Amino acid sequence: MGSVERFMNWSFPLFRIFRIPVRMHWTFPLFSLFWVLRGETQHEILWNLLLTLALFGTVLLHELAHCYAAWHLGGSVSHILMWPLGGLAYVSHRGDLKDDIKIAAAGPLVHIPLALLCVAGLVALGNPFSWSYFSPYGWGTFSDFASYVLVGILKMQVILFLLNLFLPAYPLDGGRILANFLLLAGYPRDQAARTLCYLSFGAALFLALGLGEVLLALFVTLDAGQLLYLTRVGALDRHPLFARAPAAPVAPVRSKRTHLTVVPGRSCPYCQRGVPAGAQMCGYCEKTLPSR
């Protein structure tokens, strides 16, 4: 890893919660400070600060839900990384595809009780219940500043729930869930990966043009592009989402002259594709195979 890449990936320890180390990417405080200070008045700066703190707490709880689900299924947790586009929980487990769906879904589901707590707070402040609280659009009219803050946090929960669970884009939770459902439905690994890539590109356009989330759209595009590249070179074993998924079986090739059946007997150590037993060179990457 070069010095530039190390600098771009650098993070520092923040604290530990439930024995889980929480780290912060160096760009997170810069983006947060920019967002807070973009307010033109003290009132706007306070508003931005409160929503930034609420977003930090929400994302942390979201990632902790992933960690708890992994623990519950017998997995392990390395750490949580907080960065400008949200959080990343570094978890691992030895379960099946269904377990991976449970871990991915645990994060978005935490926004439901958080949203209900916000509604309870609004009612406790004397505001009548309204289904419009759950709409991502519009704020309504309130007589106190605390109610506006609660509505802002509530709409934050709704937006994060919808984006993470229903937007078919990798590496969002909805993309992970979709990929596992495709594999469970019998899709070959390559086809499932390509489907996820193309849907992610479409979701990135929606994020950029429909919601104005250009930075998040760029992040989704880069990750989907990397996945598509690994798919084209036959290196999905190197991708964490598809590493344990079974590869599509290679059909036997029958020679027209000899009618002999050639069955792949091993894998190329460079591109991971199947090669016939006794072959001295890989027909895909054209590299000399090590003698056995």
Protein backbone atom coordinates (compact mmCIF):
# COMPACT_ATOMS: atom_id res chain seq x y z
CA MET A 1 0.00 0.00 0.00
CA GLY A 2 1.48 3.34 -1.07
CA SER A 3 1.83 6.41 1.11
CA VAL A 4 -1.07 8.17 -0.64
CA GLU A 5 -3.37 5.19 -0.16
CA ARG A 6 -2.34 4.88 3.48
CA PHE A 7 -3.11 8.56 3.98
CA MET A 8 -6.53 8.30 2.32
CA ASN A 9 -7.44 5.26 4.44
CA TRP A 10 -6.06 6.63 7.71
CA SER A 11 -8.32 6.59 10.75
CA PHE A 12 -7.79 7.14 14.46
CA PRO A 13 -9.23 5.37 17.52
CA LEU A 14 -12.23 7.12 19.08
CA PHE A 15 -13.51 4.92 21.91
CA ARG A 16 -14.70 1.42 22.71
CA ILE A 17 -18.34 0.44 23.20
CA PHE A 18 -19.41 -3.06 24.22
CA ARG A 19 -15.73 -4.00 23.78
CA ILE A 20 -15.91 -2.93 20.11
CA PRO A 21 -13.23 -0.45 18.99
CA VAL A 22 -14.75 2.54 17.20
CA ARG A 23 -12.47 4.39 14.79
CA MET A 24 -13.04 7.61 12.88
CA HIS A 25 -11.82 8.37 9.37
CA TRP A 26 -9.81 11.57 9.25
CA THR A 27 -12.28 13.20 6.84
CA PHE A 28 -15.26 12.75 9.19
CA PRO A 29 -14.53 15.73 11.50
CA LEU A 30 -13.71 17.91 8.48
CA PHE A 31 -17.03 17.17 6.78
CA SER A 32 -18.90 17.57 10.07
CA LEU A 33 -17.27 20.93 10.78
CA PHE A 34 -18.06 22.13 7.26
CA TRP A 35 -21.70 21.07 7.64
CA VAL A 36 -22.10 22.76 11.03
CA LEU A 37 -20.43 26.04 10.07
CA ARG A 38 -22.37 26.42 6.83
CA GLY A 39 -25.17 27.91 8.91
CA GLU A 40 -25.44 31.68 8.57
CA THR A 41 -26.93 32.39 12.00
CA GLN A 42 -26.35 31.01 15.49
CA HIS A 43 -29.74 29.33 15.28
CA GLU A 44 -28.80 27.54 12.04
CA ILE A 45 -25.38 26.53 13.43
CA LEU A 46 -27.04 25.05 16.52
CA TRP A 47 -29.54 23.22 14.31
CA ASN A 48 -26.78 21.76 12.14
CA LEU A 49 -24.76 20.75 15.21
CA LEU A 50 -27.67 18.91 16.84
CA LEU A 51 -28.54 17.04 13.63
CA THR A 52 -24.86 16.12 13.10
CA LEU A 53 -24.65 14.68 16.62
CA ALA A 54 -27.94 12.85 16.07
CA LEU A 55 -26.67 11.43 12.79
CA PHE A 56 -23.47 10.23 14.47
CA GLY A 57 -25.45 8.47 17.20
CA THR A 58 -27.89 6.99 14.69
CA VAL A 59 -25.15 5.59 12.46
CA LEU A 60 -23.33 4.16 15.48
CA LEU A 61 -26.48 2.35 16.65
CA HIS A 62 -27.01 1.12 13.08
CA GLU A 63 -23.54 -0.42 13.00
CA LEU A 64 -23.89 -1.82 16.52
CA ALA A 65 -27.01 -3.65 15.33
CA HIS A 66 -24.91 -5.32 12.62
CA CYS A 67 -22.35 -6.28 15.27
CA TYR A 68 -24.95 -7.70 17.64
CA ALA A 69 -26.51 -9.77 14.85
CA ALA A 70 -23.08 -11.16 13.94
CA TRP A 71 -22.40 -12.03 17.58
CA HIS A 72 -25.82 -13.64 17.93
CA LEU A 73 -25.09 -15.86 14.92
CA GLY A 74 -21.72 -16.94 16.28
CA GLY A 75 -19.61 -14.47 14.33
CA SER A 76 -16.94 -12.01 15.40
CA VAL A 77 -16.52 -8.23 15.27
CA SER A 78 -13.26 -6.44 14.48
CA HIS A 79 -14.18 -2.76 14.74
CA ILE A 80 -16.51 0.00 13.55
CA LEU A 81 -15.31 2.77 11.25
CA MET A 82 -17.15 6.10 11.21
CA TRP A 83 -16.67 8.12 8.05
CA PRO A 84 -18.52 10.88 6.14
CA LEU A 85 -20.82 8.50 4.24
CA GLY A 86 -21.96 6.64 7.35
CA GLY A 87 -20.36 3.73 9.15
CA LEU A 88 -18.77 0.38 8.40
CA ALA A 89 -18.99 -2.57 10.78
CA TYR A 90 -16.19 -5.05 10.14
CA VAL A 91 -17.82 -8.36 11.05
CA SER A 92 -17.31 -11.96 10.00
CA HIS A 93 -19.33 -15.14 10.44
CA ARG A 94 -19.35 -18.72 9.28
CA GLY A 95 -23.07 -18.94 8.65
CA ASP A 96 -24.93 -19.33 5.38
CA LEU A 97 -26.52 -16.79 3.04
CA LYS A 98 -29.58 -16.49 5.27
CA ASP A 99 -27.38 -15.48 8.18
CA ASP A 100 -25.76 -12.82 6.01
CA ILE A 101 -29.23 -11.44 5.22
CA LYS A 102 -30.05 -11.28 8.93
CA ILE A 103 -26.85 -9.38 9.69
CA ALA A 104 -27.41 -6.94 6.82
CA ALA A 105 -31.06 -6.32 7.78
CA ALA A 106 -30.31 -5.73 11.46
CA GLY A 107 -28.87 -2.28 10.77
CA PRO A 108 -31.84 -0.70 8.96
CA LEU A 109 -34.33 -2.25 11.38
CA VAL A 110 -32.85 -0.27 14.27
CA HIS A 111 -34.29 2.92 12.72
CA ILE A 112 -37.85 1.75 13.48
CA PRO A 113 -37.66 2.01 17.30
CA LEU A 114 -35.63 5.20 16.97
CA ALA A 115 -38.38 6.74 14.83
CA LEU A 116 -41.04 5.65 17.33
CA LEU A 117 -39.07 7.25 20.16
CA CYS A 118 -39.06 10.52 18.22
CA VAL A 119 -42.83 10.31 17.75
CA ALA A 120 -43.26 9.66 21.47
CA GLY A 121 -41.13 12.73 22.20
CA LEU A 122 -43.25 14.88 19.88
CA VAL A 123 -46.44 13.75 21.55
CA ALA A 124 -44.91 14.33 24.99
CA LEU A 125 -44.17 17.92 23.96
CA GLY A 126 -47.88 18.45 23.29
CA ASN A 127 -47.97 17.88 19.54
CA PRO A 128 -50.85 15.79 18.12
CA PHE A 129 -49.88 12.57 16.36
CA SER A 130 -49.72 12.81 12.58
CA TRP A 131 -48.69 10.32 9.91
CA SER A 132 -47.00 13.21 8.11
CA TYR A 133 -44.17 12.88 10.63
CA PHE A 134 -43.03 9.80 8.72
CA SER A 135 -42.91 11.56 5.36
CA PRO A 136 -39.39 12.42 4.15
CA TYR A 137 -40.80 15.68 2.79
CA GLY A 138 -42.15 18.70 4.64
CA TRP A 139 -41.60 19.76 8.23
CA GLY A 140 -44.89 21.06 9.50
CA THR A 141 -45.30 23.96 11.92
CA PHE A 142 -44.34 23.79 15.59
CA SER A 143 -44.21 26.31 18.37
CA ASP A 144 -40.94 25.13 19.95
CA PHE A 145 -37.41 24.44 18.73
CA ALA A 146 -37.25 20.99 20.37
CA SER A 147 -40.13 19.73 18.22
CA TYR A 148 -38.36 20.81 15.04
CA VAL A 149 -35.24 18.94 16.17
CA LEU A 150 -37.24 15.78 16.91
CA VAL A 151 -38.97 15.95 13.53
CA GLY A 152 -35.59 16.35 11.85
CA ILE A 153 -34.23 13.29 13.65
CA LEU A 154 -37.41 11.34 12.85
CA LYS A 155 -37.16 12.09 9.13
CA MET A 156 -33.49 11.11 9.32
CA GLN A 157 -34.54 7.66 10.58
CA VAL A 158 -37.11 7.28 7.79
CA ILE A 159 -34.64 8.25 5.05
CA LEU A 160 -31.86 5.99 6.37
CA PHE A 161 -34.30 3.09 6.71
CA LEU A 162 -35.58 3.44 3.14
CA LEU A 163 -32.18 4.01 1.54
CA ASN A 164 -30.41 1.19 3.35
CA LEU A 165 -33.11 -1.44 3.07
CA PHE A 166 -34.79 -0.80 -0.28
CA LEU A 167 -32.13 0.77 -2.50
CA PRO A 168 -30.52 -2.11 -4.46
CA ALA A 169 -27.01 -0.71 -4.37
CA TYR A 170 -23.79 -2.20 -3.09
CA PRO A 171 -22.34 -1.62 -0.50
CA LEU A 172 -25.60 -0.46 1.08
CA ASP A 173 -27.47 -3.05 3.12
CA GLY A 174 -30.16 -3.38 0.45
CA GLY A 175 -27.53 -4.41 -2.10
CA ARG A 176 -26.10 -7.05 0.22
CA ILE A 177 -29.57 -8.44 0.90
CA LEU A 178 -30.43 -8.50 -2.82
CA ALA A 179 -27.19 -10.34 -3.69
CA ASN A 180 -27.88 -13.02 -1.10
CA PHE A 181 -31.48 -13.44 -2.28
CA LEU A 182 -30.25 -13.88 -5.87
CA LEU A 183 -27.80 -16.56 -4.75
CA LEU A 184 -30.50 -18.29 -2.70
CA ALA A 185 -32.77 -18.23 -5.77
CA GLY A 186 -30.18 -20.23 -7.69
CA TYR A 187 -28.56 -17.46 -9.72
CA PRO A 188 -24.97 -18.29 -10.73
CA ARG A 189 -22.45 -16.25 -8.83
CA ASP A 190 -21.30 -14.28 -11.89
CA GLN A 191 -24.86 -13.47 -12.94
CA ALA A 192 -25.83 -12.37 -9.43
CA ALA A 193 -22.78 -10.10 -9.25
CA ARG A 194 -23.47 -8.53 -12.66
CA THR A 195 -27.13 -7.95 -11.78
CA LEU A 196 -26.10 -6.23 -8.55
CA CYS A 197 -23.57 -4.07 -10.42
CA TYR A 198 -26.05 -2.82 -13.03
CA LEU A 199 -28.69 -2.10 -10.38
CA SER A 200 -26.07 -0.25 -8.33
CA PHE A 201 -25.21 1.95 -11.32
CA GLY A 202 -28.89 2.78 -11.72
CA ALA A 203 -29.23 3.50 -8.01
CA ALA A 204 -26.21 5.80 -8.21
CA LEU A 205 -27.93 7.83 -10.93
CA PHE A 206 -31.01 8.10 -8.74
CA LEU A 207 -28.91 9.24 -5.77
CA ALA A 208 -27.07 11.87 -7.81
CA LEU A 209 -29.88 13.21 -10.02
CA GLY A 210 -32.92 12.49 -7.87
CA LEU A 211 -31.66 13.15 -4.35
CA GLY A 212 -28.58 15.25 -4.98
CA GLU A 213 -26.36 12.83 -3.04
CA VAL A 214 -23.43 13.11 -5.43
CA LEU A 215 -20.77 11.91 -2.97
CA LEU A 216 -22.75 8.81 -2.01
CA ALA A 217 -23.49 8.13 -5.70
CA LEU A 218 -19.77 8.32 -6.49
CA PHE A 219 -19.01 5.89 -3.68
CA VAL A 220 -21.62 3.41 -4.93
CA THR A 221 -20.32 3.73 -8.50
CA LEU A 222 -16.72 3.04 -7.48
CA ASP A 223 -17.65 -0.02 -5.42
CA ALA A 224 -19.93 -1.38 -8.13
CA GLY A 225 -17.23 -0.79 -10.72
CA GLN A 226 -14.72 -2.75 -8.66
CA LEU A 227 -17.19 -5.61 -8.31
CA LEU A 228 -17.85 -5.61 -12.06
CA TYR A 229 -14.11 -5.73 -12.75
CA LEU A 230 -13.65 -8.73 -10.45
CA THR A 231 -16.57 -10.42 -12.20
CA ARG A 232 -15.08 -9.91 -15.67
CA VAL A 233 -11.64 -11.24 -14.72
CA GLY A 234 -13.11 -14.22 -12.86
CA ALA A 235 -11.82 -13.14 -9.46
CA LEU A 236 -15.03 -13.00 -7.40
CA ASP A 237 -13.30 -15.12 -4.77
CA ARG A 238 -11.51 -11.94 -3.77
CA HIS A 239 -14.76 -10.05 -3.07
CA PRO A 240 -16.14 -10.36 0.49
CA LEU A 241 -19.76 -10.57 -0.67
CA PHE A 242 -19.23 -13.44 -3.11
CA ALA A 243 -16.12 -15.16 -1.76
CA ARG A 244 -18.06 -17.99 -0.12
CA ALA A 245 -20.72 -18.30 -2.82
CA PRO A 246 -20.31 -21.38 -5.03
CA ALA A 247 -19.01 -20.67 -8.50
CA ALA A 248 -21.01 -21.78 -11.53
CA PRO A 249 -20.12 -25.34 -12.52
CA VAL A 250 -18.02 -25.67 -15.66
CA ALA A 251 -19.72 -27.82 -18.25
CA PRO A 252 -17.63 -30.67 -19.71
CA VAL A 253 -16.30 -30.01 -23.22
CA ARG A 254 -16.65 -32.86 -25.71
CA SER A 255 -14.17 -33.05 -28.57
CA LYS A 256 -15.74 -33.57 -32.02
CA ARG A 257 -12.83 -35.74 -33.20
CA THR A 258 -12.15 -38.04 -30.29
CA HIS A 259 -15.45 -37.71 -28.39
CA LEU A 260 -13.39 -37.49 -25.21
CA THR A 261 -14.77 -35.55 -22.26
CA VAL A 262 -12.42 -32.92 -20.84
CA VAL A 263 -13.31 -32.03 -17.25
CA PRO A 264 -11.54 -29.24 -15.35
CA GLY A 265 -9.33 -30.93 -12.82
CA ARG A 266 -7.92 -27.93 -10.97
CA SER A 267 -7.99 -24.13 -10.78
CA CYS A 268 -5.55 -21.58 -12.12
CA PRO A 269 -3.78 -19.96 -9.13
CA TYR A 270 -3.75 -16.60 -10.93
CA CYS A 271 -7.32 -16.11 -12.21
CA GLN A 272 -9.08 -18.88 -10.23
CA ARG A 273 -10.72 -20.36 -13.36
CA GLY A 274 -10.95 -24.08 -13.95
CA VAL A 275 -8.34 -25.66 -16.22
CA PRO A 276 -8.17 -29.20 -17.64
CA ALA A 277 -6.16 -31.77 -15.75
CA GLY A 278 -2.62 -31.95 -17.11
CA ALA A 279 -2.70 -28.50 -18.74
CA GLN A 280 0.54 -26.54 -18.68
CA MET A 281 -0.92 -23.11 -19.48
CA CYS A 282 -4.16 -21.34 -18.49
CA GLY A 283 -6.29 -20.54 -21.52
CA TYR A 284 -7.77 -17.45 -19.84
CA CYS A 285 -4.85 -15.49 -18.39
CA GLU A 286 -2.23 -17.25 -20.57
CA LYS A 287 0.13 -17.85 -17.67
CA THR A 288 2.23 -20.97 -17.21
CA LEU A 289 0.77 -23.24 -14.56
CA PRO A 290 3.01 -24.58 -11.80
CA SER A 291 3.82 -28.26 -12.17
CA ARG A 292 2.04 -30.59 -9.78
